[in-house]
PDB file of N, CA and C in Angstrom:
ATOM      1  N   MET A   1      57.415  96.296  74.050  1.00  0.00           N
ATOM      2  CA  MET A   1      58.398  95.433  74.343  1.00  0.00           C
ATOM      3  C   MET A   1      58.881  95.468  75.672  1.00  0.00           C
ATOM      4  N   ALA A   2      58.856  94.237  75.909  1.00  0.00           N
ATOM      5  CA  ALA A   2      59.652  93.750  77.587  1.00  0.00           C
ATOM      6  C   ALA A   2      61.113  93.953  77.705  1.00  0.00           C
ATOM      7  N   ARG A   3      61.422  94.487  78.623  1.00  0.00           N
ATOM      8  CA  ARG A   3      63.067  95.029  78.793  1.00  0.00           C
ATOM      9  C   ARG A   3      63.478  93.885  79.746  1.00  0.00           C
ATOM     10  N   GLN A   4      64.564  93.232  79.304  1.00  0.00           N
ATOM     11  CA  GLN A   4      65.076  92.151  80.223  1.00  0.00           C
ATOM     12  C   GLN A   4      65.936  92.730  81.482  1.00  0.00           C
ATOM     13  N   ASN A   5      65.892  92.272  82.404  1.00  0.00           N
ATOM     14  CA  ASN A   5      66.440  92.754  83.520  1.00  0.00           C
ATOM     15  C   ASN A   5      67.528  91.813  83.769  1.00  0.00           C
ATOM     16  N   ARG A   6      68.992  92.726  83.946  1.00  0.00           N
ATOM     17  CA  ARG A   6      70.415  92.037  83.865  1.00  0.00           C
ATOM     18  C   ARG A   6      70.339  91.683  85.519  1.00  0.00           C
ATOM     19  N   PRO A   7      71.355  90.389  85.740  1.00  0.00           N
ATOM     20  CA  PRO A   7      71.560  90.061  86.936  1.00  0.00           C
ATOM     21  C   PRO A   7      72.081  91.053  87.826  1.00  0.00           C
ATOM     22  N   VAL A   8      72.116  91.309  89.108  1.00  0.00           N
ATOM     23  CA  VAL A   8      72.633  92.336  89.992  1.00  0.00           C
ATOM     24  C   VAL A   8      74.122  91.696  90.013  1.00  0.00           C
ATOM     25  N   PRO A   9      74.948  92.388  89.543  1.00  0.00           N
ATOM     26  CA  PRO A   9      76.464  92.006  90.154  1.00  0.00           C
ATOM     27  C   PRO A   9      76.834  92.035  91.412  1.00  0.00           C
ATOM     28  N   PRO A  10      77.761  91.057  91.726  1.00  0.00           N
ATOM     29  CA  PRO A  10      77.929  90.789  93.227  1.00  0.00           C
ATOM     30  C   PRO A  10      78.870  92.423  93.661  1.00  0.00           C
ATOM     31  N   PRO A  11      78.647  92.477  95.119  1.00  0.00           N
ATOM     32  CA  PRO A  11      79.502  93.865  95.399  1.00  0.00           C
ATOM     33  C   PRO A  11      80.995  93.764  95.479  1.00  0.00           C
ATOM     34  N   LEU A  12      81.472  94.895  95.234  1.00  0.00           N
ATOM     35  CA  LEU A  12      83.130  95.062  95.151  1.00  0.00           C
ATOM     36  C   LEU A  12      83.628  94.864  96.547  1.00  0.00           C
ATOM     37  N   GLU A  13      84.680  93.976  96.885  1.00  0.00           N
ATOM     38  CA  GLU A  13      85.336  93.831  98.021  1.00  0.00           C
ATOM     39  C   GLU A  13      86.648  94.996  97.853  1.00  0.00           C
ATOM     40  N   GLY A  14      86.701  95.633  98.920  1.00  0.00           N
ATOM     41  CA  GLY A  14      87.660  96.592  99.233  1.00  0.00           C
ATOM     42  C   GLY A  14      88.712  96.262 100.178  1.00  0.00           C
ATOM     43  N   ASN A  15      90.102  96.326 100.129  1.00  0.00           N
ATOM     44  CA  ASN A  15      90.787  96.529 101.107  1.00  0.00           C
ATOM     45  C   ASN A  15      90.299  97.322 102.406  1.00  0.00           C
ATOM     46  N   ASP A  16      89.928  96.848 103.327  1.00  0.00           N
ATOM     47  CA  ASP A  16      89.472  97.809 104.739  1.00  0.00           C
ATOM     48  C   ASP A  16      90.786  98.349 105.458  1.00  0.00           C
ATOM     49  N   MET A  17      91.580  97.549 105.693  1.00  0.00           N
ATOM     50  CA  MET A  17      92.658  98.039 106.329  1.00  0.00           C
ATOM     51  C   MET A  17      93.410  99.285 105.448  1.00  0.00           C
ATOM     52  N   LEU A  18      93.468  99.012 104.166  1.00  0.00           N
ATOM     53  CA  LEU A  18      94.055 100.132 103.473  1.00  0.00           C
ATOM     54  C   LEU A  18      93.028 101.532 103.381  1.00  0.00           C
ATOM     55  N   ILE A  19      91.856 101.439 103.237  1.00  0.00           N
ATOM     56  CA  ILE A  19      91.024 102.330 103.236  1.00  0.00           C
ATOM     57  C   ILE A  19      90.905 103.007 104.566  1.00  0.00           C
ATOM     58  N   THR A  20      90.870 102.458 105.642  1.00  0.00           N
ATOM     59  CA  THR A  20      91.185 102.859 106.968  1.00  0.00           C
ATOM     60  C   THR A  20      91.970 103.623 107.163  1.00  0.00           C
ATOM     61  N   ALA A  21      93.422 103.213 106.888  1.00  0.00           N
ATOM     62  CA  ALA A  21      94.820 103.704 107.321  1.00  0.00           C
ATOM     63  C   ALA A  21      94.766 104.889 106.062  1.00  0.00           C
ATOM     64  N   VAL A  22      94.144 105.035 105.140  1.00  0.00           N
ATOM     65  CA  VAL A  22      94.442 106.609 104.366  1.00  0.00           C
ATOM     66  C   VAL A  22      93.482 107.513 104.880  1.00  0.00           C
ATOM     67  N   ILE A  23      92.235 107.114 105.312  1.00  0.00           N
ATOM     68  CA  ILE A  23      91.242 108.160 106.081  1.00  0.00           C
ATOM     69  C   ILE A  23      91.864 108.446 107.034  1.00  0.00           C
ATOM     70  N   THR A  24      92.606 107.702 107.908  1.00  0.00           N
ATOM     71  CA  THR A  24      93.294 107.956 108.940  1.00  0.00           C
ATOM     72  C   THR A  24      94.217 109.121 108.984  1.00  0.00           C
ATOM     73  N   VAL A  25      95.191 108.765 108.224  1.00  0.00           N
ATOM     74  CA  VAL A  25      96.124 109.630 107.586  1.00  0.00           C
ATOM     75  C   VAL A  25      95.791 110.880 107.166  1.00  0.00           C
ATOM     76  N   ALA A  26      94.304 110.893 106.344  1.00  0.00           N
ATOM     77  CA  ALA A  26      94.194 112.188 105.789  1.00  0.00           C
ATOM     78  C   ALA A  26      93.512 113.161 107.135  1.00  0.00           C
ATOM     79  N   TRP A  27      93.139 112.398 108.411  1.00  0.00           N
ATOM     80  CA  TRP A  27      92.577 113.019 109.422  1.00  0.00           C
ATOM     81  C   TRP A  27      93.957 113.570 109.964  1.00  0.00           C
ATOM     82  N   ALA A  28      94.968 112.926 110.115  1.00  0.00           N
ATOM     83  CA  ALA A  28      96.502 113.285 110.668  1.00  0.00           C
ATOM     84  C   ALA A  28      96.896 114.422 110.005  1.00  0.00           C
ATOM     85  N   VAL A  29      96.851 114.306 108.672  1.00  0.00           N
ATOM     86  CA  VAL A  29      97.469 115.491 107.878  1.00  0.00           C
ATOM     87  C   VAL A  29      96.552 116.675 108.105  1.00  0.00           C
ATOM     88  N   ALA A  30      95.465 116.772 108.206  1.00  0.00           N
ATOM     89  CA  ALA A  30      94.320 117.829 108.378  1.00  0.00           C
ATOM     90  C   ALA A  30      94.665 118.380 109.896  1.00  0.00           C
ATOM     91  N   LEU A  31      94.840 117.561 111.269  1.00  0.00           N
ATOM     92  CA  LEU A  31      95.322 118.009 112.321  1.00  0.00           C
ATOM     93  C   LEU A  31      96.545 118.532 112.515  1.00  0.00           C
ATOM     94  N   ILE A  32      97.477 118.377 111.572  1.00  0.00           N
ATOM     95  CA  ILE A  32      98.952 118.939 111.466  1.00  0.00           C
ATOM     96  C   ILE A  32      98.695 120.307 110.883  1.00  0.00           C
ATOM     97  N   VAL A  33      98.035 120.459 109.863  1.00  0.00           N
ATOM     98  CA  VAL A  33      97.916 121.640 109.327  1.00  0.00           C
ATOM     99  C   VAL A  33      97.276 122.506 109.944  1.00  0.00           C
ATOM    100  N   LEU A  34      96.286 122.042 110.648  1.00  0.00           N
ATOM    101  CA  LEU A  34      95.439 123.086 111.732  1.00  0.00           C
ATOM    102  C   LEU A  34      96.377 123.467 112.741  1.00  0.00           C
ATOM    103  N   LEU A  35      97.101 122.713 113.110  1.00  0.00           N
ATOM    104  CA  LEU A  35      97.948 122.967 114.343  1.00  0.00           C
ATOM    105  C   LEU A  35      98.981 124.213 113.950  1.00  0.00           C
ATOM    106  N   ILE A  36      99.675 124.055 112.700  1.00  0.00           N
ATOM    107  CA  ILE A  36     100.278 124.960 112.500  1.00  0.00           C
ATOM    108  C   ILE A  36      99.751 126.169 112.283  1.00  0.00           C
ATOM    109  N   ALA A  37      98.401 126.122 111.865  1.00  0.00           N
ATOM    110  CA  ALA A  37      97.951 127.489 111.499  1.00  0.00           C
ATOM    111  C   ALA A  37      96.873 128.027 112.535  1.00  0.00           C
ATOM    112  N   ARG A  38      97.209 127.326 113.689  1.00  0.00           N
ATOM    113  CA  ARG A  38      96.243 127.693 114.750  1.00  0.00           C
ATOM    114  C   ARG A  38      96.222 129.062 115.225  1.00  0.00           C
ATOM    115  N   SER A  39      97.429 129.935 115.038  1.00  0.00           N
ATOM    116  CA  SER A  39      97.200 131.342 115.516  1.00  0.00           C
ATOM    117  C   SER A  39      96.282 132.020 114.752  1.00  0.00           C
ATOM    118  N   SER A  40      96.012 131.547 113.409  1.00  0.00           N
ATOM    119  CA  SER A  40      95.562 132.183 112.361  1.00  0.00           C
ATOM    120  C   SER A  40      93.740 131.769 112.231  1.00  0.00           C
ATOM    121  N   LEU A  41      93.526 130.860 113.120  1.00  0.00           N
ATOM    122  CA  LEU A  41      92.294 130.440 113.154  1.00  0.00           C
ATOM    123  C   LEU A  41      91.485 131.306 113.867  1.00  0.00           C
ATOM    124  N   PRO A  42      90.274 131.605 113.745  1.00  0.00           N
ATOM    125  CA  PRO A  42      89.159 132.563 114.703  1.00  0.00           C
ATOM    126  C   PRO A  42      89.195 131.549 116.251  1.00  0.00           C
ATOM    127  N   ALA A  43      88.136 132.071 116.959  1.00  0.00           N
ATOM    128  CA  ALA A  43      88.127 131.283 118.146  1.00  0.00           C
ATOM    129  C   ALA A  43      87.097 130.230 118.108  1.00  0.00           C
ATOM    130  N   TRP A  44      86.277 130.559 117.185  1.00  0.00           N
ATOM    131  CA  TRP A  44      85.639 129.298 117.227  1.00  0.00           C
ATOM    132  C   TRP A  44      86.117 128.176 116.259  1.00  0.00           C
ATOM    133  N   GLY A  45      87.184 128.369 115.824  1.00  0.00           N
ATOM    134  CA  GLY A  45      87.995 127.447 114.723  1.00  0.00           C
ATOM    135  C   GLY A  45      88.683 126.170 115.375  1.00  0.00           C
ATOM    136  N   THR A  46      88.923 126.380 116.798  1.00  0.00           N
ATOM    137  CA  THR A  46      89.439 125.304 117.598  1.00  0.00           C
ATOM    138  C   THR A  46      88.650 124.046 117.464  1.00  0.00           C
ATOM    139  N   ARG A  47      87.387 124.104 117.406  1.00  0.00           N
ATOM    140  CA  ARG A  47      86.441 123.017 117.259  1.00  0.00           C
ATOM    141  C   ARG A  47      87.209 121.879 116.191  1.00  0.00           C
ATOM    142  N   TRP A  48      87.810 122.305 114.949  1.00  0.00           N
ATOM    143  CA  TRP A  48      88.142 121.881 113.744  1.00  0.00           C
ATOM    144  C   TRP A  48      89.509 121.053 114.262  1.00  0.00           C
ATOM    145  N   ILE A  49      90.131 121.707 115.183  1.00  0.00           N
ATOM    146  CA  ILE A  49      91.133 120.751 115.688  1.00  0.00           C
ATOM    147  C   ILE A  49      90.702 119.721 116.470  1.00  0.00           C
ATOM    148  N   TRP A  50      89.791 119.739 117.267  1.00  0.00           N
ATOM    149  CA  TRP A  50      89.304 118.622 117.996  1.00  0.00           C
ATOM    150  C   TRP A  50      88.699 117.436 117.143  1.00  0.00           C
ATOM    151  N   THR A  51      87.896 118.180 116.119  1.00  0.00           N
ATOM    152  CA  THR A  51      87.253 117.348 114.761  1.00  0.00           C
ATOM    153  C   THR A  51      88.363 116.468 114.470  1.00  0.00           C
ATOM    154  N   CYS A  52      89.428 116.949 114.227  1.00  0.00           N
ATOM    155  CA  CYS A  52      90.492 116.107 113.604  1.00  0.00           C
ATOM    156  C   CYS A  52      91.281 115.028 114.569  1.00  0.00           C
ATOM    157  N   ALA A  53      91.325 115.652 115.668  1.00  0.00           N
ATOM    158  CA  ALA A  53      91.832 114.544 116.651  1.00  0.00           C
ATOM    159  C   ALA A  53      91.001 113.501 116.897  1.00  0.00           C
ATOM    160  N   VAL A  54      89.779 113.708 116.909  1.00  0.00           N
ATOM    161  CA  VAL A  54      88.520 112.530 117.029  1.00  0.00           C
ATOM    162  C   VAL A  54      88.516 111.840 115.996  1.00  0.00           C
ATOM    163  N   GLY A  55      88.674 112.383 114.750  1.00  0.00           N
ATOM    164  CA  GLY A  55      88.851 111.298 113.509  1.00  0.00           C
ATOM    165  C   GLY A  55      90.076 110.685 113.360  1.00  0.00           C
ATOM    166  N   VAL A  56      91.369 111.245 113.860  1.00  0.00           N
ATOM    167  CA  VAL A  56      92.524 110.276 114.090  1.00  0.00           C
ATOM    168  C   VAL A  56      92.266 109.079 115.056  1.00  0.00           C
ATOM    169  N   GLY A  57      91.892 109.368 116.275  1.00  0.00           N
ATOM    170  CA  GLY A  57      91.574 108.479 117.217  1.00  0.00           C
ATOM    171  C   GLY A  57      90.667 107.343 116.717  1.00  0.00           C
ATOM    172  N   LEU A  58      89.250 107.839 116.075  1.00  0.00           N
ATOM    173  CA  LEU A  58      88.542 106.859 115.268  1.00  0.00           C
ATOM    174  C   LEU A  58      89.145 106.069 114.603  1.00  0.00           C
ATOM    175  N   GLY A  59      90.024 106.489 113.618  1.00  0.00           N
ATOM    176  CA  GLY A  59      90.647 106.095 112.646  1.00  0.00           C
ATOM    177  C   GLY A  59      91.655 104.927 113.408  1.00  0.00           C
ATOM    178  N   LEU A  60      92.494 105.338 114.461  1.00  0.00           N
ATOM    179  CA  LEU A  60      93.271 103.993 115.105  1.00  0.00           C
ATOM    180  C   LEU A  60      92.706 103.129 115.531  1.00  0.00           C
ATOM    181  N   PHE A  61      91.247 103.392 116.332  1.00  0.00           N
ATOM    182  CA  PHE A  61      90.410 102.453 116.737  1.00  0.00           C
ATOM    183  C   PHE A  61      90.130 101.579 115.756  1.00  0.00           C
ATOM    184  N   GLY A  62      89.582 102.125 114.428  1.00  0.00           N
ATOM    185  CA  GLY A  62      89.217 101.170 113.526  1.00  0.00           C
ATOM    186  C   GLY A  62      90.200 100.438 113.040  1.00  0.00           C
ATOM    187  N   LEU A  63      91.794 100.686 112.853  1.00  0.00           N
ATOM    188  CA  LEU A  63      92.702  99.956 112.573  1.00  0.00           C
ATOM    189  C   LEU A  63      92.781  98.679 113.446  1.00  0.00           C
ATOM    190  N   ALA A  64      92.610  98.889 114.563  1.00  0.00           N
ATOM    191  CA  ALA A  64      92.503  97.760 115.595  1.00  0.00           C
ATOM    192  C   ALA A  64      91.273  96.935 115.498  1.00  0.00           C
ATOM    193  N   TYR A  65      90.309  97.626 115.045  1.00  0.00           N
ATOM    194  CA  TYR A  65      89.125  96.735 115.003  1.00  0.00           C
ATOM    195  C   TYR A  65      88.650  96.148 113.919  1.00  0.00           C
ATOM    196  N   VAL A  66      89.348  96.664 112.825  1.00  0.00           N
ATOM    197  CA  VAL A  66      88.879  95.780 111.423  1.00  0.00           C
ATOM    198  C   VAL A  66      89.321  94.453 111.109  1.00  0.00           C
ATOM    199  N   PRO A  67      90.602  94.242 111.480  1.00  0.00           N
ATOM    200  CA  PRO A  67      91.200  93.060 111.616  1.00  0.00           C
ATOM    201  C   PRO A  67      90.077  91.811 112.454  1.00  0.00           C
ATOM    202  N   ARG A  68      89.818  92.160 113.734  1.00  0.00           N
ATOM    203  CA  ARG A  68      88.780  91.452 114.555  1.00  0.00           C
ATOM    204  C   ARG A  68      87.659  91.192 113.762  1.00  0.00           C
ATOM    205  N   VAL A  69      86.900  92.134 112.865  1.00  0.00           N
ATOM    206  CA  VAL A  69      85.793  91.888 112.736  1.00  0.00           C
ATOM    207  C   VAL A  69      85.807  90.970 111.301  1.00  0.00           C
ATOM    208  N   LYS A  70      86.906  91.166 110.523  1.00  0.00           N
ATOM    209  CA  LYS A  70      87.337  90.286 109.429  1.00  0.00           C
ATOM    210  C   LYS A  70      87.546  88.731 110.084  1.00  0.00           C
ATOM    211  N   ARG A  71      88.132  88.439 111.031  1.00  0.00           N
ATOM    212  CA  ARG A  71      88.573  87.240 111.650  1.00  0.00           C
ATOM    213  C   ARG A  71      87.156  86.884 112.132  1.00  0.00           C
ATOM    214  N   SER A  72      86.448  87.446 112.698  1.00  0.00           N
ATOM    215  CA  SER A  72      84.735  86.973 113.114  1.00  0.00           C
ATOM    216  C   SER A  72      84.181  86.637 112.043  1.00  0.00           C
ATOM    217  N   ARG A  73      83.989  87.479 111.024  1.00  0.00           N
ATOM    218  CA  ARG A  73      83.247  87.151 109.513  1.00  0.00           C
ATOM    219  C   ARG A  73      83.707  85.621 109.114  1.00  0.00           C
ATOM    220  N   ALA A  74      85.110  85.586 109.007  1.00  0.00           N
ATOM    221  CA  ALA A  74      85.637  84.443 108.311  1.00  0.00           C
ATOM    222  C   ALA A  74      85.518  82.999 109.101  1.00  0.00           C
ATOM    223  N   ARG A  75      85.301  83.290 110.331  1.00  0.00           N
ATOM    224  CA  ARG A  75      84.922  82.250 111.256  1.00  0.00           C
ATOM    225  C   ARG A  75      83.544  81.857 111.113  1.00  0.00           C
ATOM    226  N   ALA A  76      82.550  82.681 111.120  1.00  0.00           N
ATOM    227  CA  ALA A  76      81.073  82.450 110.753  1.00  0.00           C
ATOM    228  C   ALA A  76      81.171  81.796 109.426  1.00  0.00           C
ATOM    229  N   ARG A  77      81.908  82.242 108.605  1.00  0.00           N
ATOM    230  CA  ARG A  77      81.665  81.465 107.059  1.00  0.00           C
ATOM    231  C   ARG A  77      82.104  80.126 107.145  1.00  0.00           C
ATOM    232  N   ALA A  78      83.433  79.953 107.782  1.00  0.00           N
ATOM    233  CA  ALA A  78      83.789  78.504 107.776  1.00  0.00           C
ATOM    234  C   ALA A  78      82.868  77.394 108.791  1.00  0.00           C
ATOM    235  N   THR A  79      82.207  78.094 109.540  1.00  0.00           N
ATOM    236  CA  THR A  79      81.239  77.457 110.443  1.00  0.00           C
ATOM    237  C   THR A  79      79.966  76.881 109.593  1.00  0.00           C
ATOM    238  N   ALA A  80      79.610  77.978 108.870  1.00  0.00           N
ATOM    239  CA  ALA A  80      78.297  77.825 108.049  1.00  0.00           C
ATOM    240  C   ALA A  80      78.642  76.667 106.698  1.00  0.00           C
ATOM    241  N   ARG A  81      80.062  76.939 106.340  1.00  0.00           N
ATOM    242  CA  ARG A  81      80.344  75.781 105.139  1.00  0.00           C
ATOM    243  C   ARG A  81      80.574  74.383 105.998  1.00  0.00           C
ATOM    244  N   ARG A  82      81.037  74.211 107.080  1.00  0.00           N
ATOM    245  CA  ARG A  82      80.971  73.036 107.582  1.00  0.00           C
ATOM    246  C   ARG A  82      79.774  72.273 107.879  1.00  0.00           C
ATOM    247  N   GLN A  83      78.847  73.016 108.572  1.00  0.00           N
ATOM    248  CA  GLN A  83      77.688  72.708 108.695  1.00  0.00           C
ATOM    249  C   GLN A  83      76.828  72.355 107.111  1.00  0.00           C
ATOM    250  N   ALA A  84      77.005  73.068 106.218  1.00  0.00           N
ATOM    251  CA  ALA A  84      76.432  72.790 104.852  1.00  0.00           C
ATOM    252  C   ALA A  84      77.112  71.304 104.419  1.00  0.00           C
ATOM    253  N   GLU A  85      78.386  71.384 104.541  1.00  0.00           N
ATOM    254  CA  GLU A  85      78.973  70.051 104.319  1.00  0.00           C
ATOM    255  C   GLU A  85      78.558  68.794 104.999  1.00  0.00           C
ATOM    256  N   ARG A  86      78.177  68.879 106.165  1.00  0.00           N
ATOM    257  CA  ARG A  86      77.874  67.993 107.023  1.00  0.00           C
ATOM    258  C   ARG A  86      76.357  67.475 106.825  1.00  0.00           C
ATOM    259  N   ALA A  87      75.530  68.364 106.451  1.00  0.00           N
ATOM    260  CA  ALA A  87      74.214  68.226 106.089  1.00  0.00           C
ATOM    261  C   ALA A  87      74.230  67.509 104.706  1.00  0.00           C
ATOM    262  N   ALA A  88      74.922  68.025 103.874  1.00  0.00           N
ATOM    263  CA  ALA A  88      74.998  67.196 102.600  1.00  0.00           C
ATOM    264  C   ALA A  88      75.435  65.739 102.809  1.00  0.00           C
ATOM    265  N   GLY A  89      76.510  65.568 103.764  1.00  0.00           N
ATOM    266  CA  GLY A  89      77.061  64.138 103.705  1.00  0.00           C
ATOM    267  C   GLY A  89      75.965  63.186 104.471  1.00  0.00           C
ATOM    268  N   GLU A  90      75.119  63.943 105.526  1.00  0.00           N
ATOM    269  CA  GLU A  90      74.199  63.031 105.932  1.00  0.00           C
ATOM    270  C   GLU A  90      72.892  62.882 105.250  1.00  0.00           C
ATOM    271  N   SER A  91      72.694  63.727 104.341  1.00  0.00           N
ATOM    272  CA  SER A  91      71.583  63.342 103.223  1.00  0.00           C
ATOM    273  C   SER A  91      71.995  62.552 102.049  1.00  0.00           C
ATOM    274  N   GLU A  92      73.348  62.325 101.808  1.00  0.00           N
ATOM    275  CA  GLU A  92      73.848  61.255 100.783  1.00  0.00           C
ATOM    276  C   GLU A  92      73.660  60.004 101.274  1.00  0.00           C
ATOM    277  N   SER A  93      73.468  59.508 102.717  1.00  0.00           N
ATOM    278  CA  SER A  93      73.896  58.332 103.212  1.00  0.00           C
ATOM    279  C   SER A  93      72.248  57.708 103.712  1.00  0.00           C
TER     280      SER A  93
END
């Protein structure tokens, strides 16, 4: 018996800014907790503080960069749509 393949569903869209903000806040909370507990960390434990600090920094960079990428993608889609409309209009004439 042949099994029918179902069509692949489209990918889910997420709110990129919200996801980036939540992850950045999580890094910030971890950084604060580690800074409070700094005295009880072993000597090599300070690398976790730096890891959280870098996570917060990259998250802030992401919050600034994600809107730029979204604008760029929207611009590219609009350009492709206009070119497709022009090509369709020229083929009708």
